[in-house]
N, C-alpha and C. Protein backbone atom coordinates (compact mmCIF):
# COMPACT_ATOMS: atom_id res chain seq x y z
N MET A 1 -18.83 17.03 -20.26
CA MET A 1 -18.26 15.98 -19.65
C MET A 1 -17.07 16.71 -18.54
N SER A 2 -17.27 17.11 -17.23
CA SER A 2 -15.73 17.71 -16.98
C SER A 2 -14.87 17.18 -17.07
N PHE A 3 -13.30 17.75 -16.80
CA PHE A 3 -12.42 17.18 -17.24
C PHE A 3 -12.05 16.01 -15.69
N TYR A 4 -12.47 17.09 -14.41
CA TYR A 4 -12.40 15.57 -13.16
C TYR A 4 -13.27 14.60 -13.99
N GLN A 5 -14.50 14.42 -14.33
CA GLN A 5 -15.04 13.26 -14.51
C GLN A 5 -14.56 12.78 -15.44
N GLN A 6 -14.08 13.21 -16.64
CA GLN A 6 -13.22 12.34 -17.74
C GLN A 6 -11.97 11.68 -16.64
N LEU A 7 -11.08 12.61 -15.84
CA LEU A 7 -10.33 12.02 -14.64
C LEU A 7 -10.82 10.84 -13.81
N ILE A 8 -11.74 10.77 -13.90
CA ILE A 8 -12.21 9.73 -12.45
C ILE A 8 -12.81 8.28 -13.95
N GLU A 9 -13.16 8.59 -14.94
CA GLU A 9 -13.92 7.38 -15.88
C GLU A 9 -12.70 7.09 -16.13
N GLN A 10 -11.70 7.70 -16.87
CA GLN A 10 -10.70 7.50 -17.39
C GLN A 10 -9.75 6.18 -16.74
N THR A 11 -9.68 6.48 -15.11
CA THR A 11 -8.45 5.71 -14.25
C THR A 11 -9.06 4.37 -13.65
N ARG A 12 -10.50 4.65 -13.89
CA ARG A 12 -12.02 3.04 -13.68
C ARG A 12 -10.92 2.04 -13.05
N ALA A 13 -10.47 1.38 -14.24
CA ALA A 13 -9.79 -0.33 -14.05
C ALA A 13 -8.30 0.16 -13.47
N GLU A 14 -7.57 0.94 -13.01
CA GLU A 14 -6.44 0.96 -12.39
C GLU A 14 -6.29 1.52 -10.68
N ARG A 15 -8.01 2.27 -10.54
CA ARG A 15 -8.38 2.63 -9.11
C ARG A 15 -8.62 1.07 -8.85
N GLU A 16 -9.25 0.48 -9.90
CA GLU A 16 -9.62 -1.06 -9.38
C GLU A 16 -8.81 -1.95 -8.76
N TYR A 17 -7.48 -2.00 -9.63
CA TYR A 17 -6.47 -2.59 -8.91
C TYR A 17 -6.09 -2.37 -8.05
N LEU A 18 -5.63 -1.11 -7.92
CA LEU A 18 -5.57 -0.49 -6.20
C LEU A 18 -6.46 -1.13 -5.40
N LEU A 19 -7.72 -1.26 -5.34
CA LEU A 19 -8.87 -1.12 -4.46
C LEU A 19 -8.42 -2.83 -3.95
N SER A 20 -8.08 -3.53 -5.46
CA SER A 20 -8.43 -5.15 -5.20
C SER A 20 -7.14 -5.72 -4.83
N ALA A 21 -5.97 -5.35 -3.82
CA ALA A 21 -5.18 -5.36 -3.34
C ALA A 21 -5.82 -6.41 -2.00
N PRO A 22 -4.96 -7.47 -1.57
CA PRO A 22 -5.96 -8.54 -0.81
C PRO A 22 -6.04 -7.55 0.46
N LEU A 23 -4.68 -6.68 1.02
CA LEU A 23 -4.12 -6.44 2.23
C LEU A 23 -5.83 -5.34 2.12
N ILE A 24 -5.80 -4.75 1.26
CA ILE A 24 -7.26 -3.69 1.16
C ILE A 24 -8.85 -4.76 1.30
N GLN A 25 -8.58 -5.85 0.59
CA GLN A 25 -9.75 -6.09 0.80
C GLN A 25 -10.41 -6.78 2.31
N ARG A 26 -9.03 -7.43 2.68
CA ARG A 26 -8.94 -7.65 4.10
C ARG A 26 -9.89 -7.54 4.83
N CYS A 27 -9.01 -6.06 4.85
CA CYS A 27 -9.35 -5.29 6.18
C CYS A 27 -10.84 -4.47 5.89
N LEU A 28 -11.18 -4.65 5.12
CA LEU A 28 -12.23 -3.58 4.25
C LEU A 28 -13.54 -4.87 4.65
N LYS A 29 -13.13 -6.18 4.44
CA LYS A 29 -14.18 -7.19 5.09
C LYS A 29 -14.34 -7.49 6.50
N GLN A 30 -13.38 -6.86 7.58
CA GLN A 30 -12.57 -7.14 8.52
C GLN A 30 -12.78 -8.45 8.97
N GLN A 31 -11.62 -8.72 7.74
CA GLN A 31 -11.36 -10.50 8.61
C GLN A 31 -10.13 -9.78 8.86
N SER A 32 -8.76 -10.74 8.77
CA SER A 32 -7.50 -10.80 10.04
C SER A 32 -6.82 -9.84 9.63
N PHE A 33 -6.00 -9.02 10.12
CA PHE A 33 -5.75 -7.90 9.97
C PHE A 33 -4.43 -7.66 11.28
N THR A 34 -3.39 -7.74 10.91
CA THR A 34 -2.13 -7.63 11.63
C THR A 34 -1.50 -6.47 12.01
N LEU A 35 -0.77 -6.39 13.62
CA LEU A 35 -0.13 -5.45 13.99
C LEU A 35 0.71 -5.01 13.39
N ALA A 36 1.58 -6.60 12.97
CA ALA A 36 2.90 -6.14 11.79
C ALA A 36 2.68 -5.55 10.59
N GLU A 37 0.93 -5.98 10.09
CA GLU A 37 1.02 -5.00 8.62
C GLU A 37 0.69 -3.82 9.04
N TYR A 38 -0.26 -3.30 10.21
CA TYR A 38 -0.31 -2.27 10.07
C TYR A 38 0.57 -1.27 10.32
N GLN A 39 1.72 -2.07 11.40
CA GLN A 39 2.96 -1.11 11.34
C GLN A 39 3.45 -1.03 9.64
N ALA A 40 3.79 -1.77 8.93
CA ALA A 40 4.07 -1.96 7.43
C ALA A 40 3.83 -0.70 7.20
N PHE A 41 2.08 -0.94 6.92
CA PHE A 41 1.36 -0.07 6.03
C PHE A 41 1.93 1.64 6.40
N LEU A 42 1.99 1.67 8.02
CA LEU A 42 2.56 3.06 8.37
C LEU A 42 4.22 3.26 8.02
N THR A 43 5.07 2.50 8.21
CA THR A 43 6.12 2.78 8.04
C THR A 43 6.01 3.15 6.38
N GLU A 44 5.54 2.49 5.42
CA GLU A 44 5.66 2.73 4.10
C GLU A 44 4.81 4.17 3.73
N ALA A 45 3.97 4.71 4.20
CA ALA A 45 3.42 5.58 4.53
C ALA A 45 4.00 6.77 4.39
N TYR A 46 5.19 6.35 5.57
CA TYR A 46 6.05 7.69 6.08
C TYR A 46 7.00 8.19 5.27
N HIS A 47 7.42 6.93 4.49
CA HIS A 47 8.28 6.39 3.72
C HIS A 47 8.14 7.52 2.36
N HIS A 48 7.00 7.71 1.81
CA HIS A 48 6.44 8.26 0.97
C HIS A 48 5.94 10.04 1.37
N VAL A 49 5.15 9.92 2.42
CA VAL A 49 4.73 11.14 3.33
C VAL A 49 5.48 12.46 3.61
N LYS A 50 6.65 11.67 3.83
CA LYS A 50 8.21 12.63 3.81
C LYS A 50 8.82 13.49 2.29
N HIS A 51 8.15 12.71 1.42
CA HIS A 51 8.65 13.52 0.35
C HIS A 51 6.95 13.95 -0.27
N THR A 52 6.65 14.29 -0.02
CA THR A 52 4.98 15.04 -0.08
C THR A 52 5.69 16.74 -0.72
N VAL A 53 5.86 17.58 0.48
CA VAL A 53 6.02 18.82 0.48
C VAL A 53 6.95 19.20 -0.32
N PRO A 54 8.54 18.28 -0.18
CA PRO A 54 9.62 18.58 -1.24
C PRO A 54 8.34 18.75 -2.76
N LEU A 55 8.16 17.23 -3.40
CA LEU A 55 7.56 17.59 -4.67
C LEU A 55 6.63 18.57 -4.83
N LEU A 56 5.89 18.60 -3.98
CA LEU A 56 5.25 19.57 -4.43
C LEU A 56 5.75 21.35 -4.55
N MET A 57 7.16 20.93 -3.58
CA MET A 57 8.23 23.11 -4.07
C MET A 57 8.57 22.75 -5.39
N ALA A 58 9.04 20.97 -5.50
CA ALA A 58 9.75 20.93 -6.67
C ALA A 58 8.29 21.41 -8.15
N VAL A 59 7.24 21.20 -7.80
CA VAL A 59 6.33 21.28 -9.13
C VAL A 59 6.10 22.84 -8.86
N GLY A 60 6.08 23.46 -8.25
CA GLY A 60 5.62 25.30 -8.00
C GLY A 60 7.41 25.34 -8.82
N SER A 61 8.03 25.46 -8.70
CA SER A 61 9.29 25.65 -9.08
C SER A 61 9.48 25.51 -10.95
N ARG A 62 8.54 24.30 -11.22
CA ARG A 62 8.68 24.28 -12.47
C ARG A 62 7.46 25.21 -13.16
N LEU A 63 6.46 25.66 -12.22
CA LEU A 63 5.72 26.02 -13.90
C LEU A 63 5.45 27.49 -13.77
N SER A 64 5.14 27.97 -15.30
CA SER A 64 5.54 29.34 -15.25
C SER A 64 4.32 29.95 -15.13
N SER A 65 5.20 31.03 -15.61
CA SER A 65 4.04 32.51 -15.22
C SER A 65 2.82 32.13 -15.15
N ALA A 66 2.53 31.89 -16.77
CA ALA A 66 1.04 31.50 -16.90
C ALA A 66 0.61 30.90 -16.10
N GLN A 67 1.33 29.91 -15.68
CA GLN A 67 0.74 29.11 -14.91
C GLN A 67 0.31 29.38 -13.25
N GLU A 68 0.69 30.61 -13.35
CA GLU A 68 0.50 31.21 -11.24
C GLU A 68 -0.51 30.72 -10.32
N TYR A 69 -1.54 30.61 -11.46
CA TYR A 69 -2.76 30.22 -10.57
C TYR A 69 -2.72 28.80 -9.67
N TYR A 70 -1.73 27.92 -10.91
CA TYR A 70 -1.48 26.62 -9.77
C TYR A 70 -0.51 26.79 -9.24
N ARG A 71 0.61 27.67 -9.13
CA ARG A 71 1.87 27.73 -8.36
C ARG A 71 0.78 27.94 -6.91
N GLU A 72 -0.43 29.12 -6.92
CA GLU A 72 -1.26 29.66 -5.81
C GLU A 72 -1.09 28.08 -5.06
N ALA A 73 -2.36 27.26 -6.00
CA ALA A 73 -2.79 25.76 -5.50
C ALA A 73 -1.65 25.61 -4.52
N VAL A 74 -0.66 25.10 -5.27
CA VAL A 74 0.45 24.23 -4.62
C VAL A 74 0.74 24.71 -2.97
N ALA A 75 0.90 25.85 -3.50
CA ALA A 75 1.34 26.24 -2.24
C ALA A 75 0.51 26.43 -1.28
N GLU A 76 -1.01 26.32 -1.59
CA GLU A 76 -1.66 25.81 -0.16
C GLU A 76 -1.40 24.44 -0.25
N TYR A 77 -1.36 23.69 -1.37
CA TYR A 77 -1.25 22.20 -0.57
C TYR A 77 -0.35 21.97 0.97
N ILE A 78 0.94 22.81 0.13
CA ILE A 78 1.92 22.74 0.63
C ILE A 78 1.67 23.46 2.33
N GLU A 79 1.26 24.39 2.50
CA GLU A 79 0.66 24.68 3.79
C GLU A 79 -0.13 24.04 5.06
N GLU A 80 -0.84 22.80 3.67
CA GLU A 80 -1.22 22.07 4.72
C GLU A 80 -0.57 20.71 5.23
N GLU A 81 0.13 20.25 4.05
CA GLU A 81 1.02 19.06 4.37
C GLU A 81 2.17 19.43 4.60
N LEU A 82 2.44 20.34 5.63
CA LEU A 82 4.19 19.74 6.35
C LEU A 82 3.74 19.49 7.70
N GLY A 83 4.96 18.91 8.10
CA GLY A 83 4.84 17.99 9.23
C GLY A 83 4.15 16.81 9.25
N HIS A 84 2.99 16.30 8.37
CA HIS A 84 2.46 14.89 8.38
C HIS A 84 3.04 14.13 8.35
N GLN A 85 4.28 13.89 8.24
CA GLN A 85 5.51 12.33 8.30
C GLN A 85 5.41 12.68 9.75
N GLU A 86 5.26 13.46 10.70
CA GLU A 86 5.68 13.13 11.53
C GLU A 86 4.32 12.54 12.53
N TRP A 87 3.13 12.86 11.97
CA TRP A 87 1.97 12.00 12.60
C TRP A 87 2.43 10.69 12.50
N VAL A 88 2.51 9.93 10.98
CA VAL A 88 2.70 9.07 11.03
C VAL A 88 4.15 8.33 12.04
N LEU A 89 4.59 8.82 11.87
CA LEU A 89 6.20 8.28 13.06
C LEU A 89 5.52 8.44 14.41
N ASN A 90 4.60 8.98 14.90
CA ASN A 90 4.29 9.36 16.19
C ASN A 90 3.06 7.72 16.41
N ASP A 91 2.64 7.34 15.19
CA ASP A 91 1.37 6.87 15.05
C ASP A 91 1.64 5.49 15.91
N LEU A 92 3.19 5.12 14.79
CA LEU A 92 4.19 3.93 14.92
C LEU A 92 4.40 3.68 15.83
N ALA A 93 4.99 4.67 17.54
CA ALA A 93 5.13 4.82 18.60
C ALA A 93 4.11 4.31 19.10
N ALA A 94 2.89 5.10 18.28
CA ALA A 94 1.44 4.34 19.67
C ALA A 94 1.37 3.12 19.59
N THR A 95 1.79 2.30 18.51
CA THR A 95 1.73 0.76 18.57
C THR A 95 3.01 0.09 18.80
N GLY A 96 3.39 0.84 19.29
CA GLY A 96 4.95 0.01 19.77
C GLY A 96 6.38 0.26 19.13
N ALA A 97 6.31 0.95 18.05
CA ALA A 97 6.98 0.25 17.14
C ALA A 97 7.96 1.71 17.73
N ASP A 98 9.42 1.39 16.51
CA ASP A 98 10.36 2.85 17.50
C ASP A 98 10.51 3.48 16.22
N LYS A 99 9.67 4.71 15.87
CA LYS A 99 10.03 5.27 15.12
C LYS A 99 11.47 5.71 14.25
N GLU A 100 12.09 5.65 15.54
CA GLU A 100 13.40 6.19 14.74
C GLU A 100 14.28 5.33 13.49
N LEU A 101 14.08 3.94 14.22
CA LEU A 101 14.48 3.15 13.51
C LEU A 101 13.59 3.44 11.96
N VAL A 102 12.24 3.57 11.89
CA VAL A 102 11.38 3.30 10.88
C VAL A 102 12.19 5.47 10.23
N ARG A 103 12.28 6.02 10.67
CA ARG A 103 12.96 7.34 10.32
C ARG A 103 14.31 6.69 9.18
N ASP A 104 14.80 6.14 9.73
CA ASP A 104 16.39 6.34 9.69
C ASP A 104 16.45 4.62 9.10
N GLY A 105 15.00 4.27 8.58
CA GLY A 105 15.20 2.85 7.85
C GLY A 105 15.09 3.37 6.21
N GLN A 106 14.51 2.27 5.27
CA GLN A 106 14.48 2.24 4.24
C GLN A 106 13.31 1.86 3.48
N PRO A 107 12.42 2.47 2.66
CA PRO A 107 10.91 1.79 2.36
C PRO A 107 10.87 0.69 1.41
N ARG A 108 10.09 -0.28 1.33
CA ARG A 108 10.78 -1.36 0.36
C ARG A 108 10.70 -0.87 -0.95
N LEU A 109 10.82 -2.16 -2.05
CA LEU A 109 11.38 -1.32 -2.98
C LEU A 109 9.55 -0.89 -4.09
N ALA A 110 8.80 -1.00 -3.51
CA ALA A 110 7.42 -0.73 -4.18
C ALA A 110 6.95 0.58 -3.86
N THR A 111 7.79 1.18 -2.74
CA THR A 111 7.06 2.57 -2.03
C THR A 111 8.78 3.41 -2.61
N GLU A 112 9.94 2.85 -3.00
CA GLU A 112 11.14 3.70 -3.54
C GLU A 112 10.56 4.19 -4.47
N LEU A 113 9.93 2.66 -5.74
CA LEU A 113 9.77 3.27 -7.22
C LEU A 113 8.28 4.37 -7.14
N MET A 114 7.22 4.25 -6.74
CA MET A 114 6.22 5.24 -6.01
C MET A 114 6.89 6.84 -5.99
N VAL A 115 7.96 6.64 -5.34
CA VAL A 115 8.35 8.00 -4.80
C VAL A 115 9.48 8.65 -6.27
N ALA A 116 9.92 7.65 -7.10
CA ALA A 116 11.25 8.34 -7.50
C ALA A 116 9.99 8.62 -8.77
N TYR A 117 9.19 7.51 -9.54
CA TYR A 117 8.16 8.32 -10.78
C TYR A 117 7.71 9.19 -10.32
N ALA A 118 7.17 9.49 -8.85
CA ALA A 118 6.69 11.18 -8.60
C ALA A 118 8.05 12.31 -8.90
N TYR A 119 9.01 11.81 -8.50
CA TYR A 119 10.34 13.04 -8.75
C TYR A 119 10.58 13.00 -9.96
N ASP A 120 10.81 11.82 -11.21
CA ASP A 120 10.95 11.82 -12.47
C ASP A 120 9.71 12.38 -12.99
N THR A 121 8.59 12.34 -12.69
CA THR A 121 7.28 12.87 -13.42
C THR A 121 7.25 14.87 -13.29
N VAL A 122 7.64 15.08 -12.33
CA VAL A 122 7.58 16.26 -12.10
C VAL A 122 9.33 16.87 -12.80
N LEU A 123 10.28 16.62 -12.45
CA LEU A 123 10.91 16.83 -12.68
C LEU A 123 11.43 16.88 -14.39
N ARG A 124 11.10 15.68 -14.99
CA ARG A 124 11.40 15.83 -16.27
C ARG A 124 10.34 15.91 -17.20
N GLY A 125 8.92 15.51 -16.81
CA GLY A 125 8.16 15.25 -17.67
C GLY A 125 6.74 16.61 -17.29
N ASN A 126 6.15 16.96 -16.81
CA ASN A 126 5.08 18.06 -17.06
C ASN A 126 5.05 17.74 -15.42
N PRO A 127 5.21 19.06 -15.12
CA PRO A 127 5.25 19.07 -13.73
C PRO A 127 3.09 19.31 -12.81
N LEU A 128 2.73 19.80 -13.66
CA LEU A 128 0.86 19.31 -13.72
C LEU A 128 0.91 17.86 -13.84
N ALA A 129 1.36 17.20 -13.92
CA ALA A 129 1.41 16.02 -14.32
C ALA A 129 1.14 15.15 -12.62
N PHE A 130 1.30 15.79 -11.38
CA PHE A 130 1.70 15.25 -10.15
C PHE A 130 0.30 15.45 -9.66
N PHE A 131 -0.55 15.66 -10.34
CA PHE A 131 -1.73 16.14 -9.63
C PHE A 131 -2.54 14.24 -9.77
N GLY A 132 -2.10 13.97 -10.94
CA GLY A 132 -2.53 12.72 -10.50
C GLY A 132 -2.11 11.58 -9.37
N MET A 133 -1.09 12.03 -8.91
CA MET A 133 -0.54 11.37 -7.53
C MET A 133 -1.64 11.77 -6.53
N VAL A 134 -2.09 12.90 -6.91
CA VAL A 134 -2.84 13.76 -5.40
C VAL A 134 -4.16 13.39 -5.35
N LEU A 135 -4.42 12.80 -6.66
CA LEU A 135 -6.03 11.77 -7.01
C LEU A 135 -6.20 10.41 -6.18
N VAL A 136 -4.88 9.78 -6.99
CA VAL A 136 -4.98 8.63 -5.83
C VAL A 136 -4.92 8.29 -4.43
N LEU A 137 -3.97 9.78 -4.12
CA LEU A 137 -3.41 9.57 -2.52
C LEU A 137 -4.56 10.02 -1.74
N GLU A 138 -5.49 11.27 -1.30
CA GLU A 138 -6.46 11.91 -1.59
C GLU A 138 -7.57 11.25 -1.40
N GLY A 139 -7.73 10.80 -2.97
CA GLY A 139 -9.17 10.20 -3.73
C GLY A 139 -9.31 8.86 -2.56
N THR A 140 -8.40 7.54 -2.57
CA THR A 140 -7.97 6.83 -1.55
C THR A 140 -8.48 6.88 -0.06
N SER A 141 -7.80 8.09 0.20
CA SER A 141 -8.00 8.67 1.77
C SER A 141 -9.75 9.01 1.71
N VAL A 142 -9.77 9.16 1.03
CA VAL A 142 -11.84 9.90 1.16
C VAL A 142 -12.26 8.76 1.11
N ASN A 143 -11.85 7.49 0.17
CA ASN A 143 -12.59 6.67 0.34
C ASN A 143 -12.69 5.72 1.62
N LEU A 144 -11.35 5.14 2.00
CA LEU A 144 -11.36 4.03 2.75
C LEU A 144 -10.61 4.32 4.14
N ALA A 145 -9.84 5.60 4.30
CA ALA A 145 -9.12 6.14 5.56
C ALA A 145 -10.14 5.82 6.97
N THR A 146 -10.91 6.68 7.23
CA THR A 146 -11.74 6.73 8.49
C THR A 146 -12.44 5.64 8.94
N GLY A 147 -13.24 4.58 7.76
CA GLY A 147 -13.60 3.20 7.82
C GLY A 147 -12.41 2.55 8.17
N ALA A 148 -11.33 2.07 7.67
CA ALA A 148 -10.01 1.65 7.86
C ALA A 148 -9.91 1.58 9.35
N ALA A 149 -9.50 2.42 9.50
CA ALA A 149 -9.34 3.12 11.41
C ALA A 149 -10.09 2.64 12.59
N ASP A 150 -11.18 2.79 12.03
CA ASP A 150 -12.54 1.82 12.70
C ASP A 150 -11.87 0.45 12.98
N ILE A 151 -11.84 -0.34 11.92
CA ILE A 151 -11.72 -1.43 11.73
C ILE A 151 -10.27 -2.00 12.45
N ILE A 152 -9.88 -1.34 12.13
CA ILE A 152 -8.08 -1.80 12.55
C ILE A 152 -7.98 -1.39 13.98
N GLN A 153 -8.69 -0.79 14.65
CA GLN A 153 -8.19 -0.26 16.49
C GLN A 153 -9.49 -1.16 16.93
N GLN A 154 -10.62 -1.25 16.12
CA GLN A 154 -11.41 -2.68 16.60
C GLN A 154 -10.40 -4.29 16.71
N GLN A 155 -10.30 -4.31 15.99
CA GLN A 155 -9.55 -5.60 16.09
C GLN A 155 -7.76 -5.64 16.39
N LEU A 156 -7.21 -4.84 16.42
CA LEU A 156 -6.27 -4.83 17.33
C LEU A 156 -6.00 -3.87 18.25
N GLN A 157 -7.27 -3.52 19.12
CA GLN A 157 -7.15 -3.08 20.41
C GLN A 157 -5.87 -1.61 20.42
N LEU A 158 -5.74 -0.96 19.42
CA LEU A 158 -5.32 -0.05 19.82
C LEU A 158 -5.92 1.75 20.19
N PRO A 159 -4.59 2.62 20.80
CA PRO A 159 -5.41 3.79 21.25
C PRO A 159 -5.87 4.66 20.34
N ASN A 160 -6.33 5.43 20.41
CA ASN A 160 -6.86 6.55 19.38
C ASN A 160 -5.84 7.20 18.94
N LYS A 161 -4.59 7.80 20.01
CA LYS A 161 -3.25 8.17 18.96
C LYS A 161 -3.13 7.36 18.32
N ALA A 162 -2.74 6.20 17.61
CA ALA A 162 -2.46 5.25 17.07
C ALA A 162 -2.70 5.51 15.99
N PHE A 163 -4.14 6.51 15.93
CA PHE A 163 -4.50 6.43 14.27
C PHE A 163 -4.75 8.02 13.71
N SER A 164 -3.85 9.10 14.23
CA SER A 164 -3.80 10.19 13.96
C SER A 164 -3.58 10.18 12.52
N TYR A 165 -2.45 9.82 11.47
CA TYR A 165 -2.54 9.68 9.93
C TYR A 165 -3.85 9.72 9.55
N LEU A 166 -4.49 8.64 9.29
CA LEU A 166 -5.84 7.90 8.74
C LEU A 166 -6.95 9.03 9.29
N ARG A 167 -7.17 8.79 10.11
CA ARG A 167 -8.36 9.91 10.30
C ARG A 167 -8.25 11.39 9.97
N SER A 168 -7.43 11.80 10.63
CA SER A 168 -7.33 13.59 10.35
C SER A 168 -7.41 13.35 7.98
N HIS A 169 -6.95 12.21 7.89
CA HIS A 169 -6.84 11.71 6.10
C HIS A 169 -8.02 12.23 5.64
N GLY A 170 -8.88 11.05 6.80
CA GLY A 170 -10.20 10.66 5.93
C GLY A 170 -10.90 12.44 6.09
N SER A 171 -10.71 12.57 7.02
CA SER A 171 -11.42 14.21 7.15
C SER A 171 -11.35 15.00 6.93
N LEU A 172 -9.49 15.57 6.31
CA LEU A 172 -9.13 16.57 5.49
C LEU A 172 -9.23 16.62 4.19
N ASP A 173 -9.05 14.58 3.75
CA ASP A 173 -9.06 15.22 2.02
C ASP A 173 -10.54 15.32 1.43
N ILE A 174 -11.53 15.37 2.58
CA ILE A 174 -12.74 15.47 2.05
C ILE A 174 -12.88 17.12 1.11
N GLU A 175 -12.16 17.49 2.27
CA GLU A 175 -11.99 19.44 1.57
C GLU A 175 -10.68 19.35 0.81
N HIS A 176 -9.87 18.91 0.46
CA HIS A 176 -8.79 18.82 -0.87
C HIS A 176 -9.30 18.33 -1.81
N LEU A 177 -10.40 16.99 -1.65
CA LEU A 177 -10.87 16.62 -3.29
C LEU A 177 -11.78 17.74 -3.32
N SER A 178 -12.30 18.40 -3.09
CA SER A 178 -13.16 19.46 -3.29
C SER A 178 -12.98 20.41 -4.17
N PHE A 179 -11.79 20.61 -3.74
CA PHE A 179 -10.72 21.76 -4.13
C PHE A 179 -10.30 21.21 -5.85
N PHE A 180 -9.75 19.83 -5.16
CA PHE A 180 -8.78 19.42 -5.74
C PHE A 180 -9.69 19.33 -7.37
N GLU A 181 -10.95 18.70 -7.11
CA GLU A 181 -11.84 18.79 -8.42
C GLU A 181 -12.10 20.35 -9.38
N LYS A 182 -12.23 20.92 -8.68
CA LYS A 182 -12.46 22.43 -8.67
C LYS A 182 -11.20 22.82 -9.96
N LEU A 183 -10.07 22.43 -9.44
CA LEU A 183 -9.09 22.82 -9.79
C LEU A 183 -8.80 22.04 -11.26
N MET A 184 -9.01 20.63 -11.06
CA MET A 184 -8.70 19.77 -12.63
C MET A 184 -10.23 20.65 -13.38
N ASN A 185 -11.14 21.22 -12.64
CA ASN A 185 -11.71 21.49 -13.64
C ASN A 185 -11.23 23.15 -14.95
N THR A 186 -10.50 23.45 -13.98
CA THR A 186 -9.68 24.56 -15.07
C THR A 186 -8.72 24.98 -15.82
N ILE A 187 -8.32 23.19 -16.27
CA ILE A 187 -7.52 22.77 -16.51
C ILE A 187 -8.06 22.45 -18.35
N SER A 188 -7.41 23.26 -19.13
CA SER A 188 -8.04 23.25 -20.83
C SER A 188 -7.15 22.58 -21.47
N ASP A 189 -6.17 22.63 -21.32
CA ASP A 189 -4.61 22.08 -22.44
C ASP A 189 -4.75 20.77 -22.48
N ALA A 190 -4.87 19.90 -24.07
CA ALA A 190 -5.35 18.87 -24.01
C ALA A 190 -4.22 18.31 -23.14
N ALA A 191 -2.96 18.62 -23.46
CA ALA A 191 -1.59 17.69 -23.53
C ALA A 191 -0.95 17.35 -21.37
N ASP A 192 -1.86 18.74 -21.32
CA ASP A 192 -2.07 18.63 -19.36
C ASP A 192 -2.83 17.83 -18.84
N GLN A 193 -4.19 17.49 -19.79
CA GLN A 193 -4.84 16.75 -18.63
C GLN A 193 -4.58 15.16 -19.13
N GLN A 194 -3.42 15.02 -20.54
CA GLN A 194 -3.45 13.68 -20.83
C GLN A 194 -1.90 13.67 -20.17
N ALA A 195 -1.43 14.81 -19.60
CA ALA A 195 0.08 14.06 -18.46
C ALA A 195 -1.08 13.57 -17.13
N ILE A 196 -2.22 14.46 -16.72
CA ILE A 196 -2.31 14.09 -15.56
C ILE A 196 -3.25 12.63 -15.65
N VAL A 197 -3.68 12.19 -16.36
CA VAL A 197 -4.44 10.86 -16.43
C VAL A 197 -3.56 9.61 -16.41
N HIS A 198 -2.94 10.54 -17.48
CA HIS A 198 -1.64 8.84 -17.56
C HIS A 198 -1.16 8.99 -16.22
N ALA A 199 -0.63 10.22 -15.42
CA ALA A 199 0.38 9.74 -13.73
C ALA A 199 -0.16 9.41 -13.49
N ALA A 200 -2.23 9.38 -13.09
CA ALA A 200 -2.78 8.60 -12.39
C ALA A 200 -3.03 7.35 -12.85
N LYS A 201 -2.75 7.08 -13.63
CA LYS A 201 -3.30 5.41 -13.58
C LYS A 201 -2.00 5.08 -13.51
N VAL A 202 -0.51 5.05 -13.94
CA VAL A 202 0.24 4.89 -12.94
C VAL A 202 0.46 4.71 -11.76
N PHE A 203 -0.09 6.11 -11.06
CA PHE A 203 -0.04 5.97 -9.52
C PHE A 203 -1.16 4.98 -8.75
N TYR A 204 -1.85 4.85 -9.22
CA TYR A 204 -3.27 3.59 -9.00
C TYR A 204 -2.01 2.39 -8.68
N GLN A 205 -1.67 1.90 -10.01
CA GLN A 205 -0.47 0.85 -10.13
C GLN A 205 0.77 1.00 -8.85
N LEU A 206 1.05 1.47 -9.05
CA LEU A 206 2.26 1.95 -8.29
C LEU A 206 1.81 1.90 -6.28
N TYR A 207 0.96 2.61 -6.09
CA TYR A 207 0.04 2.49 -4.87
C TYR A 207 -0.35 1.14 -4.71
N GLY A 208 -1.02 0.25 -5.39
CA GLY A 208 -1.25 -0.81 -5.27
C GLY A 208 -0.73 -1.72 -4.99
N ASN A 209 0.71 -1.25 -5.61
CA ASN A 209 1.95 -2.02 -5.48
C ASN A 209 2.92 -2.41 -4.05
N ILE A 210 2.55 -1.26 -3.50
CA ILE A 210 2.75 -1.22 -2.26
C ILE A 210 1.95 -2.01 -1.27
N PHE A 211 0.83 -2.03 -1.52
CA PHE A 211 -0.18 -2.80 -0.68
C PHE A 211 0.45 -4.34 -1.16
N ARG A 212 0.73 -4.24 -2.14
CA ARG A 212 0.41 -5.55 -2.19
C ARG A 212 1.98 -6.38 -1.52
N SER A 213 3.08 -5.19 -2.28
CA SER A 213 4.19 -5.58 -1.38
C SER A 213 4.59 -5.64 0.16
N ILE A 214 3.18 -5.66 1.52
CA ILE A 214 2.70 -5.54 2.40
C ILE A 214 2.54 -6.88 2.43
N GLU A 215 1.84 -7.08 2.28
CA GLU A 215 0.72 -8.60 2.05
C GLU A 215 2.07 -9.51 1.73
N ALA A 216 3.12 -9.27 0.87
CA ALA A 216 3.68 -10.58 0.71
C ALA A 216 5.44 -10.32 0.92
N ALA A 217 5.00 -9.32 2.22
CA ALA A 217 6.09 -9.88 3.32
C ALA A 217 6.66 -10.79 4.02
N PRO A 218 7.45 -11.54 4.46
CA PRO A 218 7.49 -12.45 5.27
C PRO A 218 6.49 -12.23 6.74
N ALA A 219 7.44 -10.93 7.08
CA ALA A 219 7.04 -10.76 8.57
C ALA A 219 5.59 -10.69 8.80
N ALA A 220 5.17 -10.53 7.94
CA ALA A 220 3.41 -9.93 8.02
C ALA A 220 2.59 -11.38 8.18
N LYS A 221 3.68 -12.56 6.78
CA LYS A 221 2.95 -13.49 6.83
C LYS A 221 3.06 -14.39 8.14
N ALA A 222 4.09 -13.68 8.83
CA ALA A 222 4.80 -14.59 10.01
C ALA A 222 4.04 -14.26 11.18
N ALA A 223 3.16 -12.80 11.21
CA ALA A 223 2.49 -12.59 12.60
C ALA A 223 1.07 -12.84 11.72
N ALA A 224 0.58 -13.11 11.16
CA ALA A 224 -1.05 -13.49 10.26
C ALA A 224 -1.43 -14.37 11.02
């Protein structure tokens, strides 16, 4: 079994924790989903997406000369991810939210903890463990983003320009995930593999907690 297949198998339970978040389930089952919840999702997305490029830069800086192949892969990811946080803000503006308030605001604790764990993993632990976060975010996008965008748009009657982040990531991340699978299958060191699996398990739980924090928010409940 390839390492990528092992990674998928060994993180199955944690992936189910993420996908079982009530907010995700309500959306996928086309049950009630409010504008406030979609805006909250985009707000939290902004607050972690804006760290993607800085985190990737940190990963690249910590790789050894023997890991140059992975530094080149990180450079490709950086090129693809530049400016995506602005897509999120523009989507928010298209829903009627004040994107500058979001830009200057603070994330929910769940989002702050996920970002903090990402930096700690890269700067204190094994930088290759960051690929655990890539699996969680891109894998989730491939499985959910485009379908969720269609459902949300139908329910909330928002314009197409309110879904550039979700729709672009749904299609873009299909290519990324194929690249990611091939990249993971080049990793043969047991310690590197273990670090990536562990990080993926943690990120699935942390990302799931972001959706759960939106579900529990008073603003989202009030709008429901």
